[in-house]
Amino acid sequence: MGAGCLNLVFAELVFAFGLFAVILITLPNPPWNAMIYAGIPLMIITPILFFPLSRTLWIAFDLTFRPREPRDEWSDEREE
């Protein structure tokens, strides 16, 4: 769930910074229709491409704050 949230935040930030940059570059007449048509595919493609990296970053974040312990290991031996 954390990787999905991280992925969503990253995708939204990419869109927000891109939108802000295009507006600043093209002032006083921003191309609103072009930004809509470019933003839709960007919002679909960005989360798909970033998802593997977001999972990796989330696992690294999780292991940083909750390190592995011996009891986390799977074992074929039965404890008696």
N, C-alpha and C. Protein backbone atom coordinates (compact mmCIF):
# COMPACT_ATOMS: atom_id res chain seq x y z
N MET A 1 0.82 -1.18 0.00
CA MET A 1 0.00 0.00 0.00
C MET A 1 0.87 1.26 0.00
N GLY A 2 1.98 1.21 0.71
CA GLY A 2 2.89 2.35 0.76
C GLY A 2 3.49 2.66 -0.60
N ALA A 3 3.84 1.61 -1.36
CA ALA A 3 4.41 1.81 -2.69
C ALA A 3 3.39 2.45 -3.62
N GLY A 4 2.15 2.07 -3.49
CA GLY A 4 1.09 2.68 -4.31
C GLY A 4 0.90 4.15 -3.99
N CYS A 5 0.95 4.48 -2.71
CA CYS A 5 0.83 5.89 -2.31
C CYS A 5 2.02 6.70 -2.79
N LEU A 6 3.22 6.15 -2.65
CA LEU A 6 4.42 6.81 -3.13
C LEU A 6 4.33 7.03 -4.65
N ASN A 7 3.84 6.04 -5.36
CA ASN A 7 3.68 6.13 -6.80
C ASN A 7 2.69 7.23 -7.17
N LEU A 8 1.59 7.31 -6.47
CA LEU A 8 0.58 8.34 -6.73
C LEU A 8 1.13 9.74 -6.47
N VAL A 9 1.82 9.91 -5.37
CA VAL A 9 2.40 11.22 -5.04
C VAL A 9 3.40 11.64 -6.11
N PHE A 10 4.27 10.71 -6.55
CA PHE A 10 5.25 11.03 -7.57
C PHE A 10 4.57 11.45 -8.87
N ALA A 11 3.56 10.70 -9.29
CA ALA A 11 2.85 11.01 -10.54
C ALA A 11 2.19 12.39 -10.46
N GLU A 12 1.59 12.70 -9.33
CA GLU A 12 0.94 14.00 -9.16
C GLU A 12 1.97 15.13 -9.16
N LEU A 13 3.12 14.91 -8.55
CA LEU A 13 4.17 15.93 -8.54
C LEU A 13 4.73 16.17 -9.94
N VAL A 14 4.91 15.10 -10.71
CA VAL A 14 5.39 15.25 -12.09
C VAL A 14 4.39 16.11 -12.88
N PHE A 15 3.13 15.80 -12.74
CA PHE A 15 2.10 16.57 -13.45
C PHE A 15 2.08 18.03 -12.99
N ALA A 16 2.13 18.26 -11.69
CA ALA A 16 2.06 19.63 -11.16
C ALA A 16 3.26 20.46 -11.60
N PHE A 17 4.47 19.89 -11.49
CA PHE A 17 5.66 20.65 -11.91
C PHE A 17 5.66 20.88 -13.42
N GLY A 18 5.22 19.88 -14.19
CA GLY A 18 5.15 20.06 -15.63
C GLY A 18 4.15 21.14 -16.02
N LEU A 19 2.99 21.11 -15.39
CA LEU A 19 1.96 22.12 -15.65
C LEU A 19 2.46 23.51 -15.29
N PHE A 20 3.09 23.63 -14.13
CA PHE A 20 3.62 24.91 -13.68
C PHE A 20 4.70 25.42 -14.63
N ALA A 21 5.59 24.53 -15.07
CA ALA A 21 6.67 24.93 -15.98
C ALA A 21 6.11 25.40 -17.32
N VAL A 22 5.15 24.68 -17.87
CA VAL A 22 4.57 25.07 -19.16
C VAL A 22 3.85 26.41 -19.04
N ILE A 23 3.15 26.61 -17.97
CA ILE A 23 2.44 27.89 -17.78
C ILE A 23 3.43 29.04 -17.68
N LEU A 24 4.52 28.85 -16.93
CA LEU A 24 5.52 29.92 -16.80
C LEU A 24 6.22 30.20 -18.11
N ILE A 25 6.50 29.16 -18.89
CA ILE A 25 7.23 29.33 -20.15
C ILE A 25 6.35 30.01 -21.21
N THR A 26 5.07 29.69 -21.21
CA THR A 26 4.19 30.17 -22.28
C THR A 26 3.31 31.36 -21.91
N LEU A 27 3.57 31.98 -20.75
CA LEU A 27 2.77 33.15 -20.38
C LEU A 27 2.92 34.22 -21.44
N PRO A 28 1.95 34.96 -21.80
CA PRO A 28 0.65 35.19 -21.22
C PRO A 28 -0.45 34.31 -21.82
N ASN A 29 -0.16 33.46 -22.80
CA ASN A 29 -1.20 32.65 -23.43
C ASN A 29 -0.85 31.16 -23.34
N PRO A 30 -1.07 30.52 -22.22
CA PRO A 30 -0.76 29.09 -22.11
C PRO A 30 -1.65 28.26 -23.03
N PRO A 31 -1.09 27.21 -23.63
CA PRO A 31 -1.89 26.35 -24.52
C PRO A 31 -2.70 25.34 -23.70
N TRP A 32 -3.86 25.73 -23.21
CA TRP A 32 -4.64 24.90 -22.29
C TRP A 32 -5.02 23.56 -22.90
N ASN A 33 -5.48 23.57 -24.16
CA ASN A 33 -5.88 22.31 -24.79
C ASN A 33 -4.70 21.37 -24.95
N ALA A 34 -3.56 21.88 -25.36
CA ALA A 34 -2.36 21.04 -25.52
C ALA A 34 -1.93 20.46 -24.17
N MET A 35 -2.05 21.26 -23.11
CA MET A 35 -1.67 20.74 -21.79
C MET A 35 -2.63 19.65 -21.34
N ILE A 36 -3.90 19.77 -21.66
CA ILE A 36 -4.86 18.72 -21.29
C ILE A 36 -4.55 17.44 -22.05
N TYR A 37 -4.33 17.57 -23.37
CA TYR A 37 -4.09 16.38 -24.19
C TYR A 37 -2.73 15.74 -23.89
N ALA A 38 -1.77 16.51 -23.45
CA ALA A 38 -0.47 15.93 -23.06
C ALA A 38 -0.52 15.41 -21.63
N GLY A 39 -1.31 16.03 -20.79
CA GLY A 39 -1.37 15.64 -19.38
C GLY A 39 -2.06 14.32 -19.14
N ILE A 40 -3.07 14.00 -19.95
CA ILE A 40 -3.79 12.74 -19.77
C ILE A 40 -2.89 11.53 -19.98
N PRO A 41 -2.17 11.45 -21.12
CA PRO A 41 -1.26 10.29 -21.28
C PRO A 41 -0.13 10.30 -20.25
N LEU A 42 0.33 11.49 -19.88
CA LEU A 42 1.39 11.58 -18.87
C LEU A 42 0.93 10.99 -17.54
N MET A 43 -0.32 11.27 -17.16
CA MET A 43 -0.85 10.75 -15.90
C MET A 43 -1.14 9.25 -15.96
N ILE A 44 -1.24 8.69 -17.15
CA ILE A 44 -1.43 7.24 -17.29
C ILE A 44 -0.09 6.53 -17.34
N ILE A 45 0.86 7.09 -18.08
CA ILE A 45 2.15 6.43 -18.30
C ILE A 45 3.09 6.55 -17.09
N THR A 46 3.12 7.70 -16.43
CA THR A 46 4.04 7.92 -15.32
C THR A 46 3.89 6.89 -14.19
N PRO A 47 2.69 6.62 -13.68
CA PRO A 47 2.58 5.63 -12.61
C PRO A 47 2.98 4.22 -13.05
N ILE A 48 2.70 3.89 -14.31
CA ILE A 48 3.06 2.56 -14.81
C ILE A 48 4.57 2.40 -14.87
N LEU A 49 5.25 3.42 -15.37
CA LEU A 49 6.71 3.34 -15.49
C LEU A 49 7.41 3.46 -14.13
N PHE A 50 6.84 4.21 -13.21
CA PHE A 50 7.49 4.44 -11.92
C PHE A 50 7.19 3.36 -10.89
N PHE A 51 6.19 2.51 -11.13
CA PHE A 51 5.77 1.55 -10.11
C PHE A 51 6.89 0.62 -9.63
N PRO A 52 7.70 0.00 -10.52
CA PRO A 52 8.77 -0.86 -10.00
C PRO A 52 9.74 -0.10 -9.08
N LEU A 53 10.08 1.12 -9.45
CA LEU A 53 10.99 1.90 -8.62
C LEU A 53 10.32 2.31 -7.30
N SER A 54 9.03 2.60 -7.34
CA SER A 54 8.35 2.97 -6.10
C SER A 54 8.30 1.80 -5.13
N ARG A 55 8.13 0.58 -5.64
CA ARG A 55 8.15 -0.60 -4.76
C ARG A 55 9.53 -0.78 -4.14
N THR A 56 10.57 -0.61 -4.95
CA THR A 56 11.93 -0.73 -4.44
C THR A 56 12.22 0.32 -3.38
N LEU A 57 11.83 1.57 -3.64
CA LEU A 57 12.06 2.63 -2.67
C LEU A 57 11.27 2.39 -1.39
N TRP A 58 10.06 1.88 -1.50
CA TRP A 58 9.25 1.63 -0.31
C TRP A 58 9.85 0.50 0.52
N ILE A 59 10.34 -0.54 -0.13
CA ILE A 59 10.98 -1.64 0.61
C ILE A 59 12.23 -1.12 1.32
N ALA A 60 13.03 -0.29 0.64
CA ALA A 60 14.22 0.29 1.26
C ALA A 60 13.84 1.16 2.45
N PHE A 61 12.80 1.97 2.29
CA PHE A 61 12.32 2.82 3.38
C PHE A 61 11.85 1.96 4.55
N ASP A 62 11.11 0.89 4.25
CA ASP A 62 10.60 0.01 5.29
C ASP A 62 11.74 -0.69 6.03
N LEU A 63 12.73 -1.17 5.29
CA LEU A 63 13.86 -1.86 5.93
C LEU A 63 14.73 -0.90 6.73
N THR A 64 14.75 0.38 6.36
CA THR A 64 15.52 1.37 7.11
C THR A 64 14.93 1.56 8.51
N PHE A 65 13.61 1.62 8.59
CA PHE A 65 12.96 1.89 9.87
C PHE A 65 12.50 0.64 10.61
N ARG A 66 12.47 -0.49 9.92
CA ARG A 66 12.10 -1.75 10.56
C ARG A 66 13.01 -2.84 10.02
N PRO A 67 14.24 -2.92 10.55
CA PRO A 67 15.21 -3.89 10.03
C PRO A 67 14.72 -5.34 10.19
N ARG A 68 15.28 -6.20 9.35
CA ARG A 68 14.93 -7.62 9.43
C ARG A 68 15.43 -8.20 10.74
N GLU A 69 14.68 -9.15 11.23
CA GLU A 69 15.05 -9.85 12.45
C GLU A 69 15.11 -11.34 12.13
N PRO A 70 15.80 -12.12 12.95
CA PRO A 70 15.89 -13.55 12.69
C PRO A 70 14.52 -14.24 12.58
N ARG A 71 13.56 -13.78 13.32
CA ARG A 71 12.23 -14.41 13.28
C ARG A 71 11.50 -14.13 11.97
N ASP A 72 12.01 -13.19 11.15
CA ASP A 72 11.40 -12.89 9.86
C ASP A 72 11.74 -13.94 8.80
N GLU A 73 12.76 -14.75 9.07
CA GLU A 73 13.20 -15.75 8.09
C GLU A 73 12.24 -16.93 8.06
N TRP A 74 12.00 -17.44 6.87
CA TRP A 74 11.22 -18.66 6.71
C TRP A 74 12.15 -19.83 6.90
N SER A 75 11.67 -20.86 7.53
CA SER A 75 12.51 -22.02 7.78
C SER A 75 11.72 -23.28 7.48
N ASP A 76 12.43 -24.28 6.94
CA ASP A 76 11.81 -25.58 6.69
C ASP A 76 11.80 -26.44 7.95
N GLU A 77 12.62 -26.05 8.91
CA GLU A 77 12.71 -26.82 10.14
C GLU A 77 11.55 -26.46 11.05
N ARG A 78 11.01 -27.48 11.69
CA ARG A 78 9.93 -27.23 12.66
C ARG A 78 10.53 -26.97 14.02
N GLU A 79 9.97 -25.98 14.68
CA GLU A 79 10.44 -25.71 16.03
C GLU A 79 9.71 -26.65 16.99
N GLU A 80 10.47 -27.26 17.86
CA GLU A 80 9.87 -28.20 18.80
C GLU A 80 10.02 -27.73 20.22
